[in-house]
PDB file of N, CA and C in Angstrom:
ATOM      1  N   UNK A   1      12.579  -6.727 -11.894  1.00  0.00           N
ATOM      2  CA  UNK A   1      11.464  -7.549 -12.319  1.00  0.00           C
ATOM      3  C   UNK A   1      11.861  -9.014 -12.318  1.00  0.00           C
ATOM      4  N   UNK A   2      10.910  -9.854 -11.987  1.00  0.00           N
ATOM      5  CA  UNK A   2      11.179 -11.284 -11.954  1.00  0.00           C
ATOM      6  C   UNK A   2      11.287 -11.881 -13.354  1.00  0.00           C
ATOM      7  N   UNK A   3      10.425 -11.480 -14.262  1.00  0.00           N
ATOM      8  CA  UNK A   3      10.406 -12.011 -15.633  1.00  0.00           C
ATOM      9  C   UNK A   3      10.333 -10.855 -16.621  1.00  0.00           C
ATOM     10  N   UNK A   4      11.437 -10.175 -16.874  1.00  0.00           N
ATOM     11  CA  UNK A   4      11.386  -8.981 -17.720  1.00  0.00           C
ATOM     12  C   UNK A   4      10.847  -9.234 -19.120  1.00  0.00           C
ATOM     13  N   UNK A   5      11.016 -10.442 -19.655  1.00  0.00           N
ATOM     14  CA  UNK A   5      10.508 -10.716 -21.001  1.00  0.00           C
ATOM     15  C   UNK A   5       9.009 -11.029 -20.997  1.00  0.00           C
ATOM     16  N   UNK A   6       8.427 -11.280 -19.827  1.00  0.00           N
ATOM     17  CA  UNK A   6       7.004 -11.624 -19.731  1.00  0.00           C
ATOM     18  C   UNK A   6       6.185 -10.640 -18.906  1.00  0.00           C
ATOM     19  N   UNK A   7       6.840  -9.675 -18.320  1.00  0.00           N
ATOM     20  CA  UNK A   7       6.161  -8.743 -17.415  1.00  0.00           C
ATOM     21  C   UNK A   7       6.478  -7.319 -17.851  1.00  0.00           C
ATOM     22  N   UNK A   8       5.486  -6.422 -17.862  1.00  0.00           N
ATOM     23  CA  UNK A   8       5.749  -5.060 -18.357  1.00  0.00           C
ATOM     24  C   UNK A   8       6.709  -4.285 -17.454  1.00  0.00           C
ATOM     25  N   UNK A   9       7.561  -3.486 -18.084  1.00  0.00           N
ATOM     26  CA  UNK A   9       8.452  -2.607 -17.323  1.00  0.00           C
ATOM     27  C   UNK A   9       7.698  -1.394 -16.807  1.00  0.00           C
ATOM     28  N   UNK A  10       6.645  -1.001 -17.532  1.00  0.00           N
ATOM     29  CA  UNK A  10       5.828   0.149 -17.161  1.00  0.00           C
ATOM     30  C   UNK A  10       4.374  -0.278 -17.157  1.00  0.00           C
ATOM     31  N   UNK A  11       3.585   0.378 -16.352  1.00  0.00           N
ATOM     32  CA  UNK A  11       2.162   0.054 -16.313  1.00  0.00           C
ATOM     33  C   UNK A  11       1.342   1.329 -16.439  1.00  0.00           C
ATOM     34  N   UNK A  12       0.108   1.186 -16.908  1.00  0.00           N
ATOM     35  CA  UNK A  12      -0.786   2.335 -17.008  1.00  0.00           C
ATOM     36  C   UNK A  12      -1.804   2.340 -15.882  1.00  0.00           C
ATOM     37  N   UNK A  13      -2.115   1.144 -15.348  1.00  0.00           N
ATOM     38  CA  UNK A  13      -3.075   1.057 -14.254  1.00  0.00           C
ATOM     39  C   UNK A  13      -2.929  -0.302 -13.587  1.00  0.00           C
ATOM     40  N   UNK A  14      -3.360  -0.356 -12.328  1.00  0.00           N
ATOM     41  CA  UNK A  14      -3.360  -1.616 -11.584  1.00  0.00           C
ATOM     42  C   UNK A  14      -4.534  -1.584 -10.618  1.00  0.00           C
ATOM     43  N   UNK A  15      -5.244  -2.700 -10.508  1.00  0.00           N
ATOM     44  CA  UNK A  15      -6.411  -2.797  -9.629  1.00  0.00           C
ATOM     45  C   UNK A  15      -6.532  -4.238  -9.166  1.00  0.00           C
ATOM     46  N   UNK A  16      -6.658  -4.428  -7.869  1.00  0.00           N
ATOM     47  CA  UNK A  16      -6.756  -5.787  -7.339  1.00  0.00           C
ATOM     48  C   UNK A  16      -5.482  -6.560  -7.620  1.00  0.00           C
ATOM     49  N   UNK A  17      -5.603  -7.648  -8.385  1.00  0.00           N
ATOM     50  CA  UNK A  17      -4.422  -8.437  -8.769  1.00  0.00           C
ATOM     51  C   UNK A  17      -4.062  -8.224 -10.232  1.00  0.00           C
ATOM     52  N   UNK A  18      -4.722  -7.284 -10.888  1.00  0.00           N
ATOM     53  CA  UNK A  18      -4.510  -7.067 -12.322  1.00  0.00           C
ATOM     54  C   UNK A  18      -3.676  -5.824 -12.584  1.00  0.00           C
ATOM     55  N   UNK A  19      -2.823  -5.927 -13.605  1.00  0.00           N
ATOM     56  CA  UNK A  19      -1.943  -4.833 -14.018  1.00  0.00           C
ATOM     57  C   UNK A  19      -2.074  -4.684 -15.525  1.00  0.00           C
ATOM     58  N   UNK A  20      -2.198  -3.434 -16.009  1.00  0.00           N
ATOM     59  CA  UNK A  20      -2.278  -3.159 -17.437  1.00  0.00           C
ATOM     60  C   UNK A  20      -1.009  -2.456 -17.882  1.00  0.00           C
ATOM     61  N   UNK A  21      -0.452  -2.890 -19.010  1.00  0.00           N
ATOM     62  CA  UNK A  21       0.738  -2.221 -19.525  1.00  0.00           C
ATOM     63  C   UNK A  21       0.330  -1.003 -20.348  1.00  0.00           C
ATOM     64  N   UNK A  22       1.309  -0.313 -20.910  1.00  0.00           N
ATOM     65  CA  UNK A  22       1.040   0.916 -21.659  1.00  0.00           C
ATOM     66  C   UNK A  22       0.267   0.667 -22.941  1.00  0.00           C
ATOM     67  N   UNK A  23       0.253  -0.572 -23.428  1.00  0.00           N
ATOM     68  CA  UNK A  23      -0.496  -0.918 -24.640  1.00  0.00           C
ATOM     69  C   UNK A  23      -1.883  -1.464 -24.329  1.00  0.00           C
ATOM     70  N   UNK A  24      -2.263  -1.486 -23.058  1.00  0.00           N
ATOM     71  CA  UNK A  24      -3.580  -1.969 -22.670  1.00  0.00           C
ATOM     72  C   UNK A  24      -3.665  -3.466 -22.425  1.00  0.00           C
ATOM     73  N   UNK A  25      -2.543  -4.173 -22.496  1.00  0.00           N
ATOM     74  CA  UNK A  25      -2.540  -5.606 -22.202  1.00  0.00           C
ATOM     75  C   UNK A  25      -2.682  -5.814 -20.702  1.00  0.00           C
ATOM     76  N   UNK A  26      -3.548  -6.770 -20.323  1.00  0.00           N
ATOM     77  CA  UNK A  26      -3.803  -7.030 -18.907  1.00  0.00           C
ATOM     78  C   UNK A  26      -3.023  -8.257 -18.445  1.00  0.00           C
ATOM     79  N   UNK A  27      -2.416  -8.132 -17.264  1.00  0.00           N
ATOM     80  CA  UNK A  27      -1.656  -9.212 -16.653  1.00  0.00           C
ATOM     81  C   UNK A  27      -2.240  -9.499 -15.272  1.00  0.00           C
ATOM     82  N   UNK A  28      -2.147 -10.729 -14.835  1.00  0.00           N
ATOM     83  CA  UNK A  28      -2.509 -11.082 -13.466  1.00  0.00           C
ATOM     84  C   UNK A  28      -1.213 -11.190 -12.676  1.00  0.00           C
ATOM     85  N   UNK A  29      -1.122 -10.411 -11.615  1.00  0.00           N
ATOM     86  CA  UNK A  29       0.077 -10.412 -10.786  1.00  0.00           C
ATOM     87  C   UNK A  29       0.006 -11.597  -9.830  1.00  0.00           C
ATOM     88  N   UNK A  30       0.748 -12.630 -10.145  1.00  0.00           N
ATOM     89  CA  UNK A  30       0.774 -13.820  -9.300  1.00  0.00           C
ATOM     90  C   UNK A  30       2.017 -13.842  -8.424  1.00  0.00           C
ATOM     91  N   UNK A  31       2.728 -12.716  -8.407  1.00  0.00           N
ATOM     92  CA  UNK A  31       3.862 -12.601  -7.490  1.00  0.00           C
ATOM     93  C   UNK A  31       3.293 -12.166  -6.147  1.00  0.00           C
ATOM     94  N   UNK A  32       4.068 -11.524  -5.352  1.00  0.00           N
ATOM     95  CA  UNK A  32       3.553 -11.044  -4.074  1.00  0.00           C
ATOM     96  C   UNK A  32       3.248  -9.557  -4.183  1.00  0.00           C
ATOM     97  N   UNK A  33       2.418  -9.226  -5.136  1.00  0.00           N
ATOM     98  CA  UNK A  33       1.954  -7.864  -5.398  1.00  0.00           C
ATOM     99  C   UNK A  33       3.060  -6.829  -5.277  1.00  0.00           C
ATOM    100  N   UNK A  34       3.801  -6.710  -6.338  1.00  0.00           N
ATOM    101  CA  UNK A  34       4.879  -5.720  -6.427  1.00  0.00           C
ATOM    102  C   UNK A  34       5.907  -5.930  -5.320  1.00  0.00           C
ATOM    103  N   UNK A  35       6.279  -7.164  -5.132  1.00  0.00           N
ATOM    104  CA  UNK A  35       7.273  -7.545  -4.125  1.00  0.00           C
ATOM    105  C   UNK A  35       6.802  -7.168  -2.720  1.00  0.00           C
ATOM    106  N   UNK A  36       5.529  -7.406  -2.455  1.00  0.00           N
ATOM    107  CA  UNK A  36       5.008  -7.276  -1.102  1.00  0.00           C
ATOM    108  C   UNK A  36       4.504  -5.906  -0.703  1.00  0.00           C
ATOM    109  N   UNK A  37       4.471  -4.959  -1.601  1.00  0.00           N
ATOM    110  CA  UNK A  37       4.073  -3.606  -1.237  1.00  0.00           C
ATOM    111  C   UNK A  37       2.566  -3.436  -1.099  1.00  0.00           C
ATOM    112  N   UNK A  38       1.783  -4.328  -1.659  1.00  0.00           N
ATOM    113  CA  UNK A  38       0.331  -4.163  -1.695  1.00  0.00           C
ATOM    114  C   UNK A  38      -0.389  -5.415  -1.196  1.00  0.00           C
ATOM    115  N   UNK A  39      -0.374  -5.695   0.087  1.00  0.00           N
ATOM    116  CA  UNK A  39      -0.984  -6.936   0.567  1.00  0.00           C
ATOM    117  C   UNK A  39      -2.487  -7.013   0.336  1.00  0.00           C
ATOM    118  N   UNK A  40      -3.154  -5.888   0.138  1.00  0.00           N
ATOM    119  CA  UNK A  40      -4.589  -5.896  -0.134  1.00  0.00           C
ATOM    120  C   UNK A  40      -4.888  -5.814  -1.620  1.00  0.00           C
ATOM    121  N   UNK A  41      -3.869  -5.871  -2.453  1.00  0.00           N
ATOM    122  CA  UNK A  41      -4.054  -5.715  -3.892  1.00  0.00           C
ATOM    123  C   UNK A  41      -3.827  -4.268  -4.281  1.00  0.00           C
ATOM    124  N   UNK A  42      -3.732  -4.047  -5.560  1.00  0.00           N
ATOM    125  CA  UNK A  42      -3.513  -2.689  -6.064  1.00  0.00           C
ATOM    126  C   UNK A  42      -4.796  -1.879  -5.985  1.00  0.00           C
ATOM    127  N   UNK A  43      -4.675  -0.609  -5.665  1.00  0.00           N
ATOM    128  CA  UNK A  43      -5.780   0.349  -5.692  1.00  0.00           C
ATOM    129  C   UNK A  43      -6.986  -0.139  -4.902  1.00  0.00           C
ATOM    130  N   UNK A  44      -6.756  -0.644  -3.697  1.00  0.00           N
ATOM    131  CA  UNK A  44      -7.852  -1.068  -2.832  1.00  0.00           C
ATOM    132  C   UNK A  44      -8.715   0.141  -2.487  1.00  0.00           C
ATOM    133  N   UNK A  45     -10.018   0.039  -2.713  1.00  0.00           N
ATOM    134  CA  UNK A  45     -10.913   1.191  -2.542  1.00  0.00           C
ATOM    135  C   UNK A  45     -10.872   1.758  -1.122  1.00  0.00           C
ATOM    136  N   UNK A  46     -10.899   0.895  -0.123  1.00  0.00           N
ATOM    137  CA  UNK A  46     -10.897   1.367   1.263  1.00  0.00           C
ATOM    138  C   UNK A  46      -9.582   2.069   1.605  1.00  0.00           C
ATOM    139  N   UNK A  47      -8.481   1.509   1.169  1.00  0.00           N
ATOM    140  CA  UNK A  47      -7.173   2.127   1.412  1.00  0.00           C
ATOM    141  C   UNK A  47      -7.076   3.458   0.673  1.00  0.00           C
ATOM    142  N   UNK A  48      -7.503   3.488  -0.585  1.00  0.00           N
ATOM    143  CA  UNK A  48      -7.448   4.731  -1.362  1.00  0.00           C
ATOM    144  C   UNK A  48      -8.263   5.839  -0.706  1.00  0.00           C
ATOM    145  N   UNK A  49      -9.462   5.510  -0.219  1.00  0.00           N
ATOM    146  CA  UNK A  49     -10.297   6.525   0.436  1.00  0.00           C
ATOM    147  C   UNK A  49      -9.639   7.040   1.714  1.00  0.00           C
ATOM    148  N   UNK A  50      -9.029   6.158   2.483  1.00  0.00           N
ATOM    149  CA  UNK A  50      -8.344   6.583   3.707  1.00  0.00           C
ATOM    150  C   UNK A  50      -7.167   7.498   3.386  1.00  0.00           C
ATOM    151  N   UNK A  51      -6.433   7.174   2.332  1.00  0.00           N
ATOM    152  CA  UNK A  51      -5.299   8.011   1.925  1.00  0.00           C
ATOM    153  C   UNK A  51      -5.794   9.379   1.464  1.00  0.00           C
ATOM    154  N   UNK A  52      -6.854   9.404   0.660  1.00  0.00           N
ATOM    155  CA  UNK A  52      -7.408  10.684   0.192  1.00  0.00           C
ATOM    156  C   UNK A  52      -7.864  11.542   1.364  1.00  0.00           C
ATOM    157  N   UNK A  53      -8.518  10.920   2.342  1.00  0.00           N
ATOM    158  CA  UNK A  53      -8.973  11.662   3.520  1.00  0.00           C
ATOM    159  C   UNK A  53      -7.784  12.238   4.285  1.00  0.00           C
ATOM    160  N   UNK A  54      -6.732  11.438   4.455  1.00  0.00           N
ATOM    161  CA  UNK A  54      -5.545  11.914   5.170  1.00  0.00           C
ATOM    162  C   UNK A  54      -4.885  13.068   4.432  1.00  0.00           C
ATOM    163  N   UNK A  55      -4.794  12.980   3.114  1.00  0.00           N
ATOM    164  CA  UNK A  55      -4.185  14.052   2.320  1.00  0.00           C
ATOM    165  C   UNK A  55      -5.043  15.307   2.389  1.00  0.00           C
ATOM    166  N   UNK A  56      -6.361  15.152   2.369  1.00  0.00           N
ATOM    167  CA  UNK A  56      -7.246  16.312   2.487  1.00  0.00           C
ATOM    168  C   UNK A  56      -7.080  17.011   3.833  1.00  0.00           C
ATOM    169  N   UNK A  57      -6.783  16.252   4.883  1.00  0.00           N
ATOM    170  CA  UNK A  57      -6.617  16.846   6.213  1.00  0.00           C
ATOM    171  C   UNK A  57      -5.300  17.606   6.340  1.00  0.00           C
ATOM    172  N   UNK A  58      -4.249  17.110   5.756  1.00  0.00           N
ATOM    173  CA  UNK A  58      -2.948  17.780   5.773  1.00  0.00           C
ATOM    174  C   UNK A  58      -1.979  16.925   4.978  1.00  0.00           C
ATOM    175  N   UNK A  59      -1.509  17.462   3.867  1.00  0.00           N
ATOM    176  CA  UNK A  59      -0.669  16.641   2.999  1.00  0.00           C
ATOM    177  C   UNK A  59       0.785  16.557   3.457  1.00  0.00           C
ATOM    178  N   UNK A  60       1.253  17.517   4.231  1.00  0.00           N
ATOM    179  CA  UNK A  60       2.649  17.458   4.676  1.00  0.00           C
ATOM    180  C   UNK A  60       2.785  18.227   5.974  1.00  0.00           C
ATOM    181  N   UNK A  61       3.148  17.519   7.013  1.00  0.00           N
ATOM    182  CA  UNK A  61       3.362  18.169   8.291  1.00  0.00           C
ATOM    183  C   UNK A  61       4.258  17.297   9.154  1.00  0.00           C
ATOM    184  N   UNK A  62       5.008  17.912  10.032  1.00  0.00           N
ATOM    185  CA  UNK A  62       5.806  17.143  10.983  1.00  0.00           C
ATOM    186  C   UNK A  62       5.096  17.031  12.328  1.00  0.00           C
ATOM    187  N   UNK A  63       3.887  17.577  12.404  1.00  0.00           N
ATOM    188  CA  UNK A  63       3.113  17.477  13.638  1.00  0.00           C
ATOM    189  C   UNK A  63       2.571  16.060  13.797  1.00  0.00           C
ATOM    190  N   UNK A  64       2.330  15.667  15.022  1.00  0.00           N
ATOM    191  CA  UNK A  64       1.784  14.340  15.291  1.00  0.00           C
ATOM    192  C   UNK A  64       0.268  14.345  15.123  1.00  0.00           C
ATOM    193  N   UNK A  65      -0.264  13.214  14.696  1.00  0.00           N
ATOM    194  CA  UNK A  65      -1.710  13.088  14.529  1.00  0.00           C
ATOM    195  C   UNK A  65      -2.226  11.980  15.444  1.00  0.00           C
ATOM    196  N   UNK A  66      -3.509  12.010  15.808  1.00  0.00           N
ATOM    197  CA  UNK A  66      -4.046  10.997  16.719  1.00  0.00           C
ATOM    198  C   UNK A  66      -4.005   9.585  16.139  1.00  0.00           C
ATOM    199  N   UNK A  67      -3.982   9.459  14.824  1.00  0.00           N
ATOM    200  CA  UNK A  67      -3.917   8.132  14.206  1.00  0.00           C
ATOM    201  C   UNK A  67      -2.624   7.401  14.563  1.00  0.00           C
ATOM    202  N   UNK A  68      -1.552   8.162  14.827  1.00  0.00           N
ATOM    203  CA  UNK A  68      -0.294   7.531  15.236  1.00  0.00           C
ATOM    204  C   UNK A  68      -0.470   6.790  16.559  1.00  0.00           C
ATOM    205  N   UNK A  69      -1.190   7.406  17.481  1.00  0.00           N
ATOM    206  CA  UNK A  69      -1.434   6.778  18.779  1.00  0.00           C
ATOM    207  C   UNK A  69      -2.362   5.579  18.607  1.00  0.00           C
ATOM    208  N   UNK A  70      -3.415   5.742  17.806  1.00  0.00           N
ATOM    209  CA  UNK A  70      -4.346   4.634  17.558  1.00  0.00           C
ATOM    210  C   UNK A  70      -3.616   3.438  16.957  1.00  0.00           C
ATOM    211  N   UNK A  71      -2.747   3.693  15.988  1.00  0.00           N
ATOM    212  CA  UNK A  71      -1.997   2.607  15.364  1.00  0.00           C
ATOM    213  C   UNK A  71      -1.047   1.957  16.362  1.00  0.00           C
ATOM    214  N   UNK A  72      -0.383   2.757  17.181  1.00  0.00           N
ATOM    215  CA  UNK A  72       0.527   2.202  18.192  1.00  0.00           C
ATOM    216  C   UNK A  72      -0.234   1.296  19.155  1.00  0.00           C
ATOM    217  N   UNK A  73      -1.416   1.726  19.597  1.00  0.00           N
ATOM    218  CA  UNK A  73      -2.217   0.902  20.503  1.00  0.00           C
ATOM    219  C   UNK A  73      -2.637  -0.404  19.831  1.00  0.00           C
ATOM    220  N   UNK A  74      -3.016  -0.334  18.561  1.00  0.00           N
ATOM    221  CA  UNK A  74      -3.392  -1.542  17.825  1.00  0.00           C
ATOM    222  C   UNK A  74      -2.196  -2.485  17.684  1.00  0.00           C
ATOM    223  N   UNK A  75      -1.037  -1.919  17.386  1.00  0.00           N
ATOM    224  CA  UNK A  75       0.165  -2.749  17.259  1.00  0.00           C
ATOM    225  C   UNK A  75       0.509  -3.437  18.580  1.00  0.00           C
ATOM    226  N   UNK A  76       0.317  -2.731  19.695  1.00  0.00           N
ATOM    227  CA  UNK A  76       0.559  -3.353  21.000  1.00  0.00           C
ATOM    228  C   UNK A  76      -0.426  -4.483  21.270  1.00  0.00           C
ATOM    229  N   UNK A  77      -1.685  -4.311  20.844  1.00  0.00           N
ATOM    230  CA  UNK A  77      -2.673  -5.386  20.997  1.00  0.00           C
ATOM    231  C   UNK A  77      -2.276  -6.606  20.173  1.00  0.00           C
ATOM    232  N   UNK A  78      -1.793  -6.355  18.961  1.00  0.00           N
ATOM    233  CA  UNK A  78      -1.407  -7.454  18.078  1.00  0.00           C
ATOM    234  C   UNK A  78      -0.100  -8.115  18.501  1.00  0.00           C
ATOM    235  N   UNK A  79       0.786  -7.333  19.112  1.00  0.00           N
ATOM    236  CA  UNK A  79       2.122  -7.818  19.492  1.00  0.00           C
ATOM    237  C   UNK A  79       2.391  -7.461  20.956  1.00  0.00           C
ATOM    238  N   UNK A  80       1.776  -8.188  21.896  1.00  0.00           N
ATOM    239  CA  UNK A  80       1.916  -7.823  23.312  1.00  0.00           C
ATOM    240  C   UNK A  80       3.342  -7.937  23.850  1.00  0.00           C
ATOM    241  N   UNK A  81       4.224  -8.613  23.145  1.00  0.00           N
ATOM    242  CA  UNK A  81       5.617  -8.731  23.566  1.00  0.00           C
ATOM    243  C   UNK A  81       6.403  -7.444  23.331  1.00  0.00           C
ATOM    244  N   UNK A  82       5.879  -6.547  22.484  1.00  0.00           N
ATOM    245  CA  UNK A  82       6.602  -5.308  22.151  1.00  0.00           C
ATOM    246  C   UNK A  82       6.481  -4.309  23.296  1.00  0.00           C
ATOM    247  N   UNK A  83       7.528  -3.533  23.508  1.00  0.00           N
ATOM    248  CA  UNK A  83       7.474  -2.518  24.559  1.00  0.00           C
ATOM    249  C   UNK A  83       7.522  -1.098  24.011  1.00  0.00           C
ATOM    250  N   UNK A  84       7.619  -0.957  22.692  1.00  0.00           N
ATOM    251  CA  UNK A  84       7.572   0.377  22.094  1.00  0.00           C
ATOM    252  C   UNK A  84       7.212   0.271  20.620  1.00  0.00           C
ATOM    253  N   UNK A  85       6.718   1.381  20.095  1.00  0.00           N
ATOM    254  CA  UNK A  85       6.447   1.516  18.659  1.00  0.00           C
ATOM    255  C   UNK A  85       7.273   2.689  18.175  1.00  0.00           C
ATOM    256  N   UNK A  86       7.938   2.510  17.057  1.00  0.00           N
ATOM    257  CA  UNK A  86       8.719   3.603  16.476  1.00  0.00           C
ATOM    258  C   UNK A  86       8.342   3.737  15.008  1.00  0.00           C
ATOM    259  N   UNK A  87       8.022   4.937  14.603  1.00  0.00           N
ATOM    260  CA  UNK A  87       7.708   5.208  13.200  1.00  0.00           C
ATOM    261  C   UNK A  87       8.943   5.769  12.515  1.00  0.00           C
ATOM    262  N   UNK A  88       9.140   5.385  11.282  1.00  0.00           N
ATOM    263  CA  UNK A  88      10.286   5.896  10.539  1.00  0.00           C
ATOM    264  C   UNK A  88       9.861   6.283   9.138  1.00  0.00           C
TER     265      UNK A  88
END
């Protein structure tokens, strides 16, 4: 944590740029949203719905899905200098 004396160690909920601690105190996250993990903010509705849909389709598999190809094509459009996409 950047400011352990001013920022909660645990949270009960987070939405957008707001974070609530276990006592219900609300904080505005003016850092880079959990060190850059949430560029759209916490609990983005569109992202959450996409994740729920993906989990409903198959929560764990090593098989390839068509979204991998779609994402690779989009990444190539965004970064035409790249010659491959690798998922890890």
